[in-house]
N, C-alpha and C. Protein backbone atom coordinates (compact mmCIF):
# COMPACT_ATOMS: atom_id res chain seq x y z
N MET A 1 -2.13 -47.82 -74.43
CA MET A 1 -1.40 -47.08 -73.43
C MET A 1 -2.01 -48.45 -72.37
N PHE A 2 -2.92 -48.60 -72.00
CA PHE A 2 -3.35 -49.91 -70.60
C PHE A 2 -2.33 -51.22 -70.88
N LEU A 3 -1.63 -51.52 -71.89
CA LEU A 3 -1.41 -52.86 -72.31
C LEU A 3 0.57 -52.25 -72.03
N SER A 4 0.64 -51.06 -72.24
CA SER A 4 1.86 -50.61 -71.45
C SER A 4 1.84 -50.53 -70.11
N ILE A 5 0.94 -49.87 -69.24
CA ILE A 5 0.74 -49.66 -68.14
C ILE A 5 1.20 -51.17 -67.08
N LEU A 6 0.04 -51.82 -67.46
CA LEU A 6 0.17 -53.54 -67.42
C LEU A 6 1.56 -54.06 -67.87
N LEU A 7 2.09 -54.20 -68.62
CA LEU A 7 3.46 -54.37 -68.61
C LEU A 7 4.75 -53.93 -67.24
N ALA A 8 4.37 -52.38 -67.38
CA ALA A 8 5.11 -51.82 -66.50
C ALA A 8 4.95 -52.10 -65.05
N VAL A 9 3.82 -51.73 -64.60
CA VAL A 9 3.34 -52.62 -63.28
C VAL A 9 4.03 -53.84 -63.42
N SER A 10 3.78 -55.08 -63.90
CA SER A 10 4.13 -56.48 -63.59
C SER A 10 5.54 -56.52 -63.51
N VAL A 11 6.62 -56.04 -64.85
CA VAL A 11 7.65 -56.05 -64.61
C VAL A 11 8.58 -55.37 -63.43
N VAL A 12 7.61 -54.10 -62.89
CA VAL A 12 8.00 -53.89 -61.41
C VAL A 12 7.84 -54.32 -60.31
N LEU A 13 6.52 -55.22 -60.44
CA LEU A 13 6.53 -56.35 -59.52
C LEU A 13 7.51 -57.40 -59.59
N VAL A 14 7.74 -57.82 -60.61
CA VAL A 14 8.65 -59.24 -60.40
C VAL A 14 10.09 -58.52 -60.10
N THR A 15 10.51 -57.90 -60.66
CA THR A 15 11.92 -57.12 -60.49
C THR A 15 12.23 -56.70 -58.58
N ALA A 16 10.98 -56.15 -58.29
CA ALA A 16 10.88 -55.93 -56.48
C ALA A 16 10.96 -57.24 -55.91
N LEU A 17 10.25 -57.95 -56.29
CA LEU A 17 10.08 -59.60 -55.61
C LEU A 17 11.32 -60.48 -55.47
N THR A 18 11.80 -59.82 -56.93
CA THR A 18 13.29 -60.87 -57.32
C THR A 18 14.39 -59.94 -56.50
N HIS A 19 14.33 -58.61 -55.94
CA HIS A 19 15.18 -58.15 -55.44
C HIS A 19 15.19 -58.26 -53.85
N LEU A 20 13.99 -58.28 -53.37
CA LEU A 20 13.57 -58.69 -51.98
C LEU A 20 14.08 -60.16 -51.88
N GLY A 21 13.77 -60.96 -52.87
CA GLY A 21 14.02 -62.36 -52.38
C GLY A 21 16.07 -62.81 -52.13
N ALA A 22 16.07 -61.96 -53.04
CA ALA A 22 17.97 -62.18 -52.97
C ALA A 22 18.47 -61.04 -51.81
N LEU A 23 18.08 -60.37 -51.34
CA LEU A 23 18.48 -59.76 -50.14
C LEU A 23 18.18 -59.98 -48.74
N ARG A 24 16.88 -60.72 -48.89
CA ARG A 24 16.53 -61.62 -48.20
C ARG A 24 17.62 -62.89 -48.05
N TRP A 25 17.52 -63.84 -49.00
CA TRP A 25 18.64 -64.54 -48.93
C TRP A 25 20.03 -64.30 -47.91
N CYS A 26 20.52 -63.12 -48.85
CA CYS A 26 21.43 -62.58 -48.27
C CYS A 26 21.82 -62.85 -46.56
N SER A 27 20.89 -62.00 -46.14
CA SER A 27 20.83 -61.68 -44.75
C SER A 27 20.13 -63.10 -43.84
N GLY A 28 19.87 -63.44 -44.29
CA GLY A 28 18.93 -64.90 -43.90
C GLY A 28 19.67 -66.20 -44.25
N GLY A 29 20.18 -66.68 -45.37
CA GLY A 29 20.01 -67.92 -45.93
C GLY A 29 21.52 -67.74 -46.28
N MET A 30 21.76 -66.78 -46.58
CA MET A 30 23.64 -66.82 -46.63
C MET A 30 24.32 -66.76 -45.23
N ALA A 31 23.64 -66.18 -44.29
CA ALA A 31 24.30 -66.32 -42.97
C ALA A 31 24.94 -68.03 -42.28
N ALA A 32 24.29 -68.99 -43.08
CA ALA A 32 24.96 -70.13 -42.79
C ALA A 32 26.04 -70.62 -43.01
N ILE A 33 26.23 -70.05 -44.44
CA ILE A 33 27.68 -70.29 -44.83
C ILE A 33 28.76 -69.57 -44.28
N PRO A 34 29.88 -70.24 -43.82
CA PRO A 34 31.06 -69.47 -43.09
C PRO A 34 31.85 -68.84 -43.87
N LEU A 35 31.87 -67.51 -43.62
CA LEU A 35 32.39 -66.62 -44.40
C LEU A 35 33.68 -65.68 -44.02
N THR A 36 34.67 -65.09 -44.09
CA THR A 36 35.36 -64.14 -43.37
C THR A 36 34.04 -62.61 -44.14
N PRO A 37 34.25 -61.95 -42.72
CA PRO A 37 33.44 -60.58 -43.29
C PRO A 37 34.09 -60.10 -44.70
N HIS A 38 35.24 -60.04 -45.01
CA HIS A 38 35.33 -58.81 -46.12
C HIS A 38 34.87 -60.10 -47.37
N THR A 39 35.12 -61.74 -47.29
CA THR A 39 34.48 -62.83 -48.38
C THR A 39 32.97 -62.69 -48.26
N ARG A 40 32.32 -61.90 -47.27
CA ARG A 40 30.90 -62.33 -47.32
C ARG A 40 30.60 -60.70 -48.19
N VAL A 41 30.89 -59.78 -47.35
CA VAL A 41 31.00 -58.13 -48.17
C VAL A 41 31.22 -58.74 -49.93
N LEU A 42 31.98 -59.53 -50.51
CA LEU A 42 32.37 -59.60 -51.67
C LEU A 42 31.29 -60.10 -52.22
N ALA A 43 31.12 -61.21 -51.73
CA ALA A 43 29.91 -62.58 -52.20
C ALA A 43 28.61 -61.72 -52.37
N VAL A 44 28.29 -60.98 -51.55
CA VAL A 44 26.62 -60.20 -51.57
C VAL A 44 26.94 -58.96 -52.63
N THR A 45 27.91 -58.44 -52.88
CA THR A 45 28.57 -57.54 -53.96
C THR A 45 27.84 -58.23 -55.22
N VAL A 46 28.97 -59.07 -55.66
CA VAL A 46 29.18 -60.42 -56.38
C VAL A 46 27.17 -60.52 -57.12
N LEU A 47 26.67 -61.31 -55.73
CA LEU A 47 25.25 -61.82 -55.84
C LEU A 47 24.49 -60.53 -56.17
N LEU A 48 24.49 -59.33 -55.60
CA LEU A 48 23.22 -58.19 -55.95
C LEU A 48 24.18 -58.14 -57.64
N PHE A 49 25.22 -57.95 -58.23
CA PHE A 49 25.52 -57.28 -59.31
C PHE A 49 24.91 -58.72 -60.43
N ALA A 50 24.94 -59.73 -59.78
CA ALA A 50 23.88 -60.66 -60.72
C ALA A 50 22.68 -60.18 -60.81
N VAL A 51 22.06 -60.00 -59.94
CA VAL A 51 21.04 -59.92 -59.99
C VAL A 51 19.88 -58.53 -60.75
N HIS A 52 20.93 -57.62 -60.62
CA HIS A 52 21.04 -56.22 -61.35
C HIS A 52 21.12 -56.78 -62.97
N LEU A 53 21.97 -57.69 -63.44
CA LEU A 53 21.54 -58.15 -64.51
C LEU A 53 20.49 -58.69 -64.97
N ALA A 54 19.77 -59.60 -63.99
CA ALA A 54 18.90 -60.79 -64.00
C ALA A 54 17.63 -59.54 -64.85
N GLU A 55 17.96 -58.44 -63.78
CA GLU A 55 16.63 -57.54 -63.65
C GLU A 55 16.88 -56.87 -65.12
N ILE A 56 17.74 -56.34 -65.61
CA ILE A 56 17.92 -55.55 -66.85
C ILE A 56 17.73 -56.97 -67.73
N ALA A 57 18.17 -57.71 -67.74
CA ALA A 57 17.46 -58.53 -68.84
C ALA A 57 16.35 -59.15 -68.98
N LEU A 58 15.66 -59.13 -68.04
CA LEU A 58 13.67 -58.93 -67.66
C LEU A 58 13.50 -57.87 -68.21
N TYR A 59 13.92 -56.71 -68.02
CA TYR A 59 13.28 -55.47 -69.07
C TYR A 59 13.78 -55.66 -70.55
N ALA A 60 15.08 -56.11 -70.92
CA ALA A 60 15.30 -56.73 -72.29
C ALA A 60 14.42 -57.36 -73.07
N GLY A 61 13.48 -58.43 -72.55
CA GLY A 61 12.85 -59.14 -72.98
C GLY A 61 11.33 -58.73 -73.28
N VAL A 62 11.04 -57.88 -72.24
CA VAL A 62 10.13 -57.36 -72.15
C VAL A 62 9.74 -56.42 -73.47
N TYR A 63 10.74 -55.53 -73.35
CA TYR A 63 11.02 -54.92 -74.71
C TYR A 63 11.08 -55.14 -75.84
N ALA A 64 11.47 -56.34 -75.96
CA ALA A 64 11.37 -57.51 -77.11
C ALA A 64 9.58 -57.91 -77.42
N LEU A 65 9.77 -58.16 -76.24
CA LEU A 65 8.15 -58.88 -76.53
C LEU A 65 6.84 -57.14 -77.08
N ALA A 66 7.64 -56.23 -76.27
CA ALA A 66 6.28 -55.01 -76.70
C ALA A 66 6.84 -54.45 -78.15
N LYS A 67 7.59 -54.48 -78.60
CA LYS A 67 7.75 -54.34 -79.98
C LYS A 67 7.72 -55.62 -80.74
N ASN A 68 8.10 -56.59 -80.79
CA ASN A 68 7.89 -57.30 -81.67
C ASN A 68 6.48 -58.33 -81.55
N ALA A 69 6.17 -58.81 -80.96
CA ALA A 69 4.80 -59.34 -80.21
C ALA A 69 3.44 -58.34 -80.25
N LEU A 70 3.75 -57.27 -79.65
CA LEU A 70 2.78 -56.47 -79.13
C LEU A 70 2.75 -55.34 -79.70
N SER A 71 3.35 -54.91 -80.25
CA SER A 71 3.70 -53.64 -81.38
C SER A 71 2.96 -52.51 -80.39
N ILE A 72 3.66 -52.06 -79.46
CA ILE A 72 3.10 -51.04 -78.77
C ILE A 72 3.70 -49.57 -78.91
N GLY A 73 4.95 -49.98 -79.54
CA GLY A 73 6.25 -49.12 -79.82
C GLY A 73 7.48 -49.39 -80.51
N ASP A 74 8.22 -48.70 -80.82
CA ASP A 74 9.13 -49.05 -81.14
C ASP A 74 10.65 -48.45 -80.73
N PHE A 75 11.64 -48.08 -81.37
CA PHE A 75 13.02 -47.73 -81.05
C PHE A 75 13.11 -46.53 -82.18
N ALA A 76 14.10 -45.78 -82.53
CA ALA A 76 14.42 -44.86 -83.24
C ALA A 76 16.03 -44.87 -82.70
N GLY A 77 16.87 -44.66 -84.07
CA GLY A 77 18.31 -44.30 -83.76
C GLY A 77 18.83 -45.49 -84.45
N ALA A 78 19.57 -46.08 -83.62
CA ALA A 78 20.49 -47.36 -84.12
C ALA A 78 19.74 -48.42 -84.20
N SER A 79 20.11 -49.25 -84.43
CA SER A 79 18.72 -50.24 -84.67
C SER A 79 19.15 -51.42 -83.71
N LEU A 80 17.55 -51.86 -83.40
CA LEU A 80 17.68 -52.78 -82.22
C LEU A 80 17.35 -54.31 -82.91
N SER A 81 18.11 -55.34 -83.28
CA SER A 81 17.96 -56.24 -83.66
C SER A 81 18.37 -57.72 -83.69
N GLY A 82 19.12 -57.55 -82.50
CA GLY A 82 19.11 -58.69 -81.55
C GLY A 82 19.13 -58.57 -79.92
N ALA A 83 19.16 -59.80 -79.49
CA ALA A 83 18.85 -59.88 -77.92
C ALA A 83 20.10 -58.58 -77.41
N LEU A 84 21.09 -58.95 -77.90
CA LEU A 84 22.31 -57.98 -77.27
C LEU A 84 22.01 -56.52 -77.10
N ASP A 85 20.92 -56.61 -78.07
CA ASP A 85 20.98 -54.90 -78.53
C ASP A 85 19.93 -54.20 -77.64
N PHE A 86 18.74 -55.57 -77.11
CA PHE A 86 18.05 -54.77 -76.52
C PHE A 86 18.51 -55.20 -75.12
N PHE A 87 19.64 -55.87 -74.78
CA PHE A 87 20.06 -55.77 -73.22
C PHE A 87 20.95 -54.67 -73.18
N TYR A 88 21.39 -54.35 -74.25
CA TYR A 88 22.27 -53.28 -74.14
C TYR A 88 21.34 -51.61 -74.02
N TYR A 89 20.49 -51.28 -74.70
CA TYR A 89 19.26 -50.41 -74.31
C TYR A 89 18.36 -50.71 -73.11
N SER A 90 18.35 -51.65 -72.41
CA SER A 90 17.90 -51.78 -70.83
C SER A 90 18.81 -52.02 -70.23
N ALA A 91 20.38 -51.88 -70.30
CA ALA A 91 21.14 -51.50 -69.24
C ALA A 91 21.71 -50.25 -69.28
N VAL A 92 21.26 -49.42 -70.58
CA VAL A 92 21.52 -47.83 -70.01
C VAL A 92 20.45 -47.12 -69.47
N THR A 93 19.25 -47.71 -69.84
CA THR A 93 18.28 -46.98 -69.01
C THR A 93 17.91 -47.09 -67.70
N TYR A 94 18.03 -48.87 -67.39
CA TYR A 94 18.22 -49.38 -65.89
C TYR A 94 19.03 -48.31 -64.91
N THR A 95 20.15 -48.26 -65.42
CA THR A 95 21.09 -47.46 -64.89
C THR A 95 20.76 -46.18 -64.78
N SER A 96 20.14 -45.46 -65.57
CA SER A 96 19.93 -43.63 -65.95
C SER A 96 21.17 -43.01 -66.49
N LEU A 97 22.11 -44.01 -67.51
CA LEU A 97 22.82 -43.80 -68.30
C LEU A 97 22.68 -42.85 -69.37
N GLY A 98 22.08 -43.10 -70.11
CA GLY A 98 20.89 -42.63 -71.23
C GLY A 98 21.79 -41.98 -72.30
N ILE A 99 22.44 -43.02 -73.00
CA ILE A 99 23.68 -42.62 -73.77
C ILE A 99 22.80 -41.50 -74.85
N GLY A 100 21.30 -42.24 -75.28
CA GLY A 100 21.04 -41.52 -76.56
C GLY A 100 20.93 -41.96 -77.93
N ASP A 101 21.84 -42.96 -77.68
CA ASP A 101 21.81 -43.25 -79.33
C ASP A 101 20.57 -44.26 -80.15
N ILE A 102 20.07 -44.55 -79.08
CA ILE A 102 18.60 -45.55 -79.14
C ILE A 102 17.56 -44.70 -78.23
N PHE A 103 16.16 -44.14 -79.00
CA PHE A 103 15.51 -43.51 -78.14
C PHE A 103 13.92 -44.32 -78.23
N PRO A 104 13.17 -44.51 -77.30
CA PRO A 104 11.72 -45.20 -77.73
C PRO A 104 10.74 -44.46 -78.53
N THR A 105 9.85 -44.97 -79.39
CA THR A 105 8.64 -44.47 -79.77
C THR A 105 7.41 -44.88 -79.16
N GLY A 106 6.31 -44.09 -79.36
CA GLY A 106 4.91 -45.06 -79.02
C GLY A 106 4.94 -44.85 -77.52
N HIS A 107 4.09 -45.69 -76.94
CA HIS A 107 4.46 -46.10 -75.84
C HIS A 107 4.80 -46.88 -75.11
N MET A 108 6.47 -46.86 -75.81
CA MET A 108 7.76 -47.73 -75.58
C MET A 108 8.31 -46.59 -74.31
N ARG A 109 7.86 -45.31 -74.96
CA ARG A 109 8.57 -44.61 -74.15
C ARG A 109 7.84 -44.61 -72.35
N PHE A 110 7.10 -44.87 -71.83
CA PHE A 110 6.51 -44.88 -70.56
C PHE A 110 7.15 -45.83 -69.97
N LEU A 111 7.57 -47.63 -70.57
CA LEU A 111 7.87 -48.45 -70.20
C LEU A 111 9.45 -47.65 -69.35
N THR A 112 9.95 -47.04 -70.71
CA THR A 112 11.12 -47.11 -70.46
C THR A 112 11.39 -46.01 -69.21
N GLY A 113 10.57 -44.88 -69.13
CA GLY A 113 10.56 -43.71 -67.52
C GLY A 113 10.53 -45.07 -66.46
N VAL A 114 9.54 -46.28 -66.76
CA VAL A 114 9.43 -46.95 -65.69
C VAL A 114 10.71 -47.51 -65.24
N GLU A 115 11.58 -48.13 -66.23
CA GLU A 115 12.83 -48.95 -66.48
C GLU A 115 13.66 -48.08 -65.57
N ALA A 116 13.83 -46.69 -65.49
CA ALA A 116 14.64 -46.04 -65.14
C ALA A 116 14.71 -45.62 -63.70
N LEU A 117 13.35 -45.35 -63.46
CA LEU A 117 12.90 -45.11 -62.25
C LEU A 117 12.96 -46.65 -61.24
N ASN A 118 12.72 -47.57 -61.62
CA ASN A 118 12.63 -48.90 -61.23
C ASN A 118 14.36 -49.21 -61.05
N GLY A 119 14.51 -49.04 -61.73
CA GLY A 119 16.67 -49.13 -61.80
C GLY A 119 17.14 -48.09 -60.88
N LEU A 120 16.66 -47.20 -60.80
CA LEU A 120 17.25 -46.05 -59.32
C LEU A 120 16.84 -46.42 -57.93
N LEU A 121 15.60 -46.61 -58.01
CA LEU A 121 15.15 -47.43 -56.88
C LEU A 121 15.75 -48.99 -56.45
N LEU A 122 16.13 -49.37 -57.24
CA LEU A 122 16.75 -51.24 -56.80
C LEU A 122 18.29 -50.60 -56.60
N ILE A 123 18.51 -49.96 -57.62
CA ILE A 123 20.36 -50.10 -57.64
C ILE A 123 20.56 -49.19 -55.62
N ALA A 124 19.83 -47.82 -55.31
CA ALA A 124 19.87 -47.48 -53.96
C ALA A 124 19.48 -48.67 -53.06
N TRP A 125 18.88 -49.29 -53.25
CA TRP A 125 18.09 -50.41 -52.41
C TRP A 125 19.26 -51.50 -52.15
N SER A 126 19.97 -51.93 -53.51
CA SER A 126 21.16 -52.51 -53.26
C SER A 126 22.23 -51.84 -52.37
N SER A 127 22.50 -50.16 -52.66
CA SER A 127 23.63 -49.86 -52.12
C SER A 127 23.09 -49.44 -50.52
N SER A 128 22.12 -49.01 -50.32
CA SER A 128 21.80 -49.68 -48.86
C SER A 128 21.81 -50.55 -47.73
N PHE A 129 22.03 -51.66 -48.81
CA PHE A 129 22.11 -53.00 -48.05
C PHE A 129 23.34 -53.22 -47.95
N LEU A 130 24.27 -53.12 -48.73
CA LEU A 130 25.67 -53.21 -48.63
C LEU A 130 26.44 -51.55 -47.60
N PHE A 131 25.98 -51.02 -47.49
CA PHE A 131 26.18 -50.01 -46.26
C PHE A 131 26.16 -50.63 -45.25
N ALA A 132 24.71 -50.81 -44.73
CA ALA A 132 24.45 -51.66 -43.77
C ALA A 132 25.22 -52.86 -43.43
N LEU A 133 25.86 -53.91 -44.46
CA LEU A 133 26.38 -54.96 -44.01
C LEU A 133 27.24 -54.47 -44.09
N MET A 134 28.55 -53.86 -44.61
CA MET A 134 29.51 -53.08 -44.10
C MET A 134 30.02 -52.55 -43.15
N ASN A 135 28.81 -51.60 -42.18
CA ASN A 135 28.61 -51.39 -41.00
C ASN A 135 28.80 -52.54 -39.72
N ARG A 136 28.25 -53.86 -40.17
CA ARG A 136 28.27 -54.63 -39.01
C ARG A 136 28.88 -55.79 -39.26
N GLN A 137 29.87 -55.61 -40.94
CA GLN A 137 30.49 -56.77 -40.87
C GLN A 137 32.07 -56.33 -41.00
N TRP A 138 32.09 -54.88 -41.70
CA TRP A 138 33.92 -54.89 -42.03
C TRP A 138 34.41 -54.57 -40.71
N GLU A 139 35.77 -54.65 -40.66
CA GLU A 139 36.52 -54.43 -39.22
C GLU A 139 37.43 -53.59 -39.64
N TRP A 140 37.21 -52.15 -38.95
CA TRP A 140 38.34 -50.95 -39.24
C TRP A 140 39.34 -50.85 -38.53
N GLN A 141 40.44 -50.80 -38.91
CA GLN A 141 41.83 -50.46 -38.22
C GLN A 141 41.16 -48.95 -37.59
N PRO A 142 42.07 -49.24 -35.91
CA PRO A 142 41.91 -47.65 -35.50
C PRO A 142 42.82 -46.78 -36.39
N CYS A 143 42.87 -45.46 -36.55
CA CYS A 143 43.55 -44.77 -36.89
C CYS A 143 44.67 -43.93 -35.75
N ILE A 144 45.79 -43.62 -36.58
CA ILE A 144 46.86 -43.38 -35.59
C ILE A 144 46.38 -41.46 -35.54
N ARG A 145 46.32 -41.31 -34.07
CA ARG A 145 46.05 -39.47 -34.51
C ARG A 145 47.46 -39.02 -34.38
N PRO A 146 47.18 -37.77 -34.82
CA PRO A 146 48.89 -37.17 -35.19
C PRO A 146 49.23 -36.68 -34.05
N GLY A 147 50.68 -36.52 -33.65
CA GLY A 147 51.19 -35.68 -32.85
C GLY A 147 51.61 -36.77 -31.88
N ARG A 148 51.34 -38.21 -32.12
CA ARG A 148 51.53 -39.15 -30.74
C ARG A 148 52.31 -40.06 -30.94
């Protein structure tokens, strides 16, 4: 159990630091790049999507390590045989989609629960960042009032 807790804490710290670095670059380093507001919002959205994919891939690697090298748990249901299968399971867990065709056993259950919570927080963090960015950058056209 200690090993699964150590893995979970480590991957949460790495993903949080990765996310923080990406958001700091979006709000600071990216400011030096001349972009229109709409293009800036699109660029940040694409960058954050890529960061989420990288974090999902990190969890997929941890699952493969935990199953194959550390033997702290396994998966039941559909088989996980390759890297894409681990990535699929991680994406379903990270996004809290939870299809249920693959489910963890042993201490892998703890790691899965931590990934779901971590993914929820990181997705919310990205969403709030995009919301703040759009409030600052997005140009809204005034609406015409009825009856005028």
